[in-house]
Protein backbone atom coordinates (compact mmCIF):
# COMPACT_ATOMS: atom_id res chain seq x y z
CA UNK A 1 -29.80 1.25 31.77
CA UNK A 2 -26.10 0.87 32.39
CA UNK A 3 -24.51 3.54 34.71
CA UNK A 4 -20.87 4.60 34.01
CA UNK A 5 -19.05 6.40 36.72
CA UNK A 6 -15.93 8.37 35.98
CA UNK A 7 -13.58 9.02 38.80
CA UNK A 8 -10.17 10.36 39.48
CA UNK A 9 -7.91 10.35 42.47
CA UNK A 10 -8.63 13.35 44.69
CA UNK A 11 -11.91 14.11 43.12
CA UNK A 12 -15.43 13.96 44.69
CA UNK A 13 -18.17 11.70 43.37
CA UNK A 14 -21.61 12.86 43.73
CA UNK A 15 -24.53 10.42 43.12
CA UNK A 16 -28.12 11.29 43.04
CA UNK A 17 -30.03 10.19 46.09
CA UNK A 18 -32.88 8.74 44.22
CA UNK A 19 -34.11 8.53 40.58
CA UNK A 20 -36.22 11.78 40.98
CA UNK A 21 -32.77 13.54 41.54
CA UNK A 22 -31.72 12.54 38.15
CA UNK A 23 -34.40 14.31 36.32
CA UNK A 24 -33.79 17.71 38.00
CA UNK A 25 -30.03 17.59 37.36
CA UNK A 26 -29.04 18.65 33.72
CA UNK A 27 -25.36 18.27 34.59
CA UNK A 28 -26.13 14.50 35.68
CA UNK A 29 -28.10 14.02 32.43
CA UNK A 30 -25.05 15.67 30.31
CA UNK A 31 -22.57 13.36 31.96
CA UNK A 32 -24.73 10.26 31.38
CA UNK A 33 -25.29 11.36 27.77
CA UNK A 34 -21.50 11.72 27.51
CA UNK A 35 -20.91 8.42 29.27
CA UNK A 36 -23.07 6.56 26.74
CA UNK A 37 -21.48 8.39 23.84
CA UNK A 38 -18.08 7.03 24.87
CA UNK A 39 -19.31 3.50 24.78
CA UNK A 40 -20.55 4.29 21.21
CA UNK A 41 -17.67 5.96 19.81
CA UNK A 42 -15.23 4.10 17.59
CA UNK A 43 -11.72 5.31 18.15
CA UNK A 44 -8.75 5.09 15.97
CA UNK A 45 -5.23 5.95 17.21
CA UNK A 46 -2.58 6.44 14.53
CA UNK A 47 0.84 6.59 16.03
CA UNK A 48 4.04 5.21 14.78
CA UNK A 49 5.45 4.82 18.44
CA UNK A 50 3.54 1.80 19.50
CA UNK A 51 4.25 2.21 23.23
CA UNK A 52 2.74 5.75 23.17
CA UNK A 53 -0.19 4.36 21.09
CA UNK A 54 -0.68 1.58 23.72
CA UNK A 55 -0.61 4.07 26.52
CA UNK A 56 -3.17 6.18 24.66
CA UNK A 57 -5.43 3.25 24.17
CA UNK A 58 -5.13 2.20 27.73
CA UNK A 59 -6.33 5.64 28.90
CA UNK A 60 -9.25 5.76 26.63
CA UNK A 61 -10.28 2.22 27.75
CA UNK A 62 -10.16 3.55 31.32
CA UNK A 63 -12.26 6.55 30.21
CA UNK A 64 -14.96 4.10 29.17
CA UNK A 65 -14.50 3.82 25.34
CA UNK A 66 -15.23 0.22 24.23
CA UNK A 67 -13.93 0.10 20.56
CA UNK A 68 -10.32 1.57 20.36
CA UNK A 69 -7.88 0.51 17.61
CA UNK A 70 -4.32 1.47 16.90
CA UNK A 71 -2.42 1.74 13.73
CA UNK A 72 1.24 2.62 13.13
CA UNK A 73 1.28 3.56 9.65
CA UNK A 74 -0.67 5.26 6.79
CA UNK A 75 -1.78 2.08 5.34
CA UNK A 76 -2.67 0.47 8.52
CA UNK A 77 -4.88 3.59 9.42
CA UNK A 78 -6.62 3.55 6.09
CA UNK A 79 -7.21 -0.22 6.40
CA UNK A 80 -8.54 0.37 9.89
CA UNK A 81 -10.69 3.08 9.10
CA UNK A 82 -12.20 1.25 6.26
CA UNK A 83 -13.56 -1.40 8.68
CA UNK A 84 -13.97 0.61 12.02
CA UNK A 85 -15.39 3.95 10.38
CA UNK A 86 -13.94 5.93 13.55
CA UNK A 87 -15.86 9.07 14.68
CA UNK A 88 -12.69 10.12 16.92
CA UNK A 89 -9.28 10.09 15.35
CA UNK A 90 -6.21 10.76 17.47
CA UNK A 91 -3.15 11.10 14.92
CA UNK A 92 0.37 11.73 15.36
CA UNK A 93 1.46 14.56 12.95
CA UNK A 94 4.77 12.74 12.25
CA UNK A 95 4.31 8.90 11.10
CA UNK A 96 7.87 8.47 9.67
CA UNK A 97 8.18 7.63 6.14
CA UNK A 98 4.96 7.90 3.94
CA UNK A 99 2.04 10.51 4.13
CA UNK A 100 2.03 12.32 7.57
CA UNK A 101 -0.79 12.48 10.09
CA UNK A 102 -2.57 15.42 8.78
CA UNK A 103 -2.69 13.77 5.28
CA UNK A 104 -3.86 10.62 6.72
CA UNK A 105 -6.70 12.35 8.65
CA UNK A 106 -7.78 13.92 5.35
CA UNK A 107 -8.04 10.64 3.66
CA UNK A 108 -10.01 9.09 6.43
CA UNK A 109 -12.17 12.13 6.61
CA UNK A 110 -13.24 11.36 3.09
CA UNK A 111 -14.61 8.01 4.23
CA UNK A 112 -16.11 8.94 7.31
CA UNK A 113 -17.03 11.86 9.57
CA UNK A 114 -14.31 12.41 12.24
CA UNK A 115 -13.44 14.38 15.18
CA UNK A 116 -9.77 14.89 15.00
CA UNK A 117 -7.22 15.23 17.72
CA UNK A 118 -3.62 15.69 16.58
CA UNK A 119 -0.40 14.92 18.52
CA UNK A 120 3.00 16.32 17.65
CA UNK A 121 6.49 16.49 19.33
CA UNK A 122 7.30 19.24 17.14
CA UNK A 123 6.26 22.82 17.48
CA UNK A 124 5.87 25.30 14.69
CA UNK A 125 3.39 27.56 13.14
CA UNK A 126 3.11 25.48 10.03
CA UNK A 127 1.81 22.48 11.75
CA UNK A 128 -0.62 24.83 13.44
CA UNK A 129 -1.64 26.20 10.29
CA UNK A 130 -2.13 22.96 8.54
CA UNK A 131 -4.22 21.62 11.48
CA UNK A 132 -6.37 24.62 11.45
CA UNK A 133 -6.98 24.50 7.73
CA UNK A 134 -7.92 20.73 7.72
CA UNK A 135 -10.41 21.45 10.53
CA UNK A 136 -10.77 24.49 12.84
CA UNK A 137 -12.34 22.49 15.50
CA UNK A 138 -9.40 20.01 15.61
CA UNK A 139 -7.08 19.88 18.72
CA UNK A 140 -3.42 19.96 18.52
CA UNK A 141 -1.52 18.24 21.51
CA UNK A 142 2.17 18.75 22.33
CA UNK A 143 4.20 15.39 23.15
CA UNK A 144 4.85 14.44 25.87
CA UNK A 145 1.18 14.31 26.36
CA UNK A 146 -0.39 14.38 29.87
CA UNK A 147 -3.26 12.18 30.41
CA UNK A 148 -5.22 15.19 31.76
CA UNK A 149 -4.84 17.08 28.46
CA UNK A 150 -5.69 14.15 26.25
CA UNK A 151 -8.77 13.50 28.47
CA UNK A 152 -9.68 17.26 28.20
CA UNK A 153 -9.16 17.45 24.35
CA UNK A 154 -11.36 14.12 24.00
CA UNK A 155 -14.25 15.57 26.01
CA UNK A 156 -13.99 18.96 24.23
CA UNK A 157 -14.30 17.42 20.82
CA UNK A 158 -17.07 15.04 22.04
CA UNK A 159 -18.92 17.93 23.68
CA UNK A 160 -18.64 19.95 20.64
CA UNK A 161 -20.27 17.07 18.74
CA UNK A 162 -23.52 17.57 20.73
CA UNK A 163 -23.68 21.38 20.30
CA UNK A 164 -23.34 20.98 16.35
CA UNK A 165 -26.50 18.77 16.18
């Protein structure tokens, strides 16, 4: 079994003293299950500003995701979704010309079951309402995105996955 350890600066890392300690720790099992899920999760980032897309991809790879693809337009996103069948979608709401991120996510959701996280540089109740209407469990993050808030949103949507089974 492969062990994956997540660490952050200024955070303690607690490891079991022996294999028997692992069985008694629900939290350890929960973290191991999440770590394994990260390795198995196909991720698609749809962002028209490629520097932001690359930064998000790097963060996800640092978190332990092994399959992360980026797309900058609606058509690239649809093509990537057809081949990747992502289960986690991180999508900018405003993709420039063409369908926006919410419409893009809706079309991808018709192909494969996704957990969506939307990002936007724009505030407004209309965007909130559209995201809520698309999927009440979807997360909406405001740009500029902090790594900590993206990480938290990812963990939250993936943890929600285990509670819905």
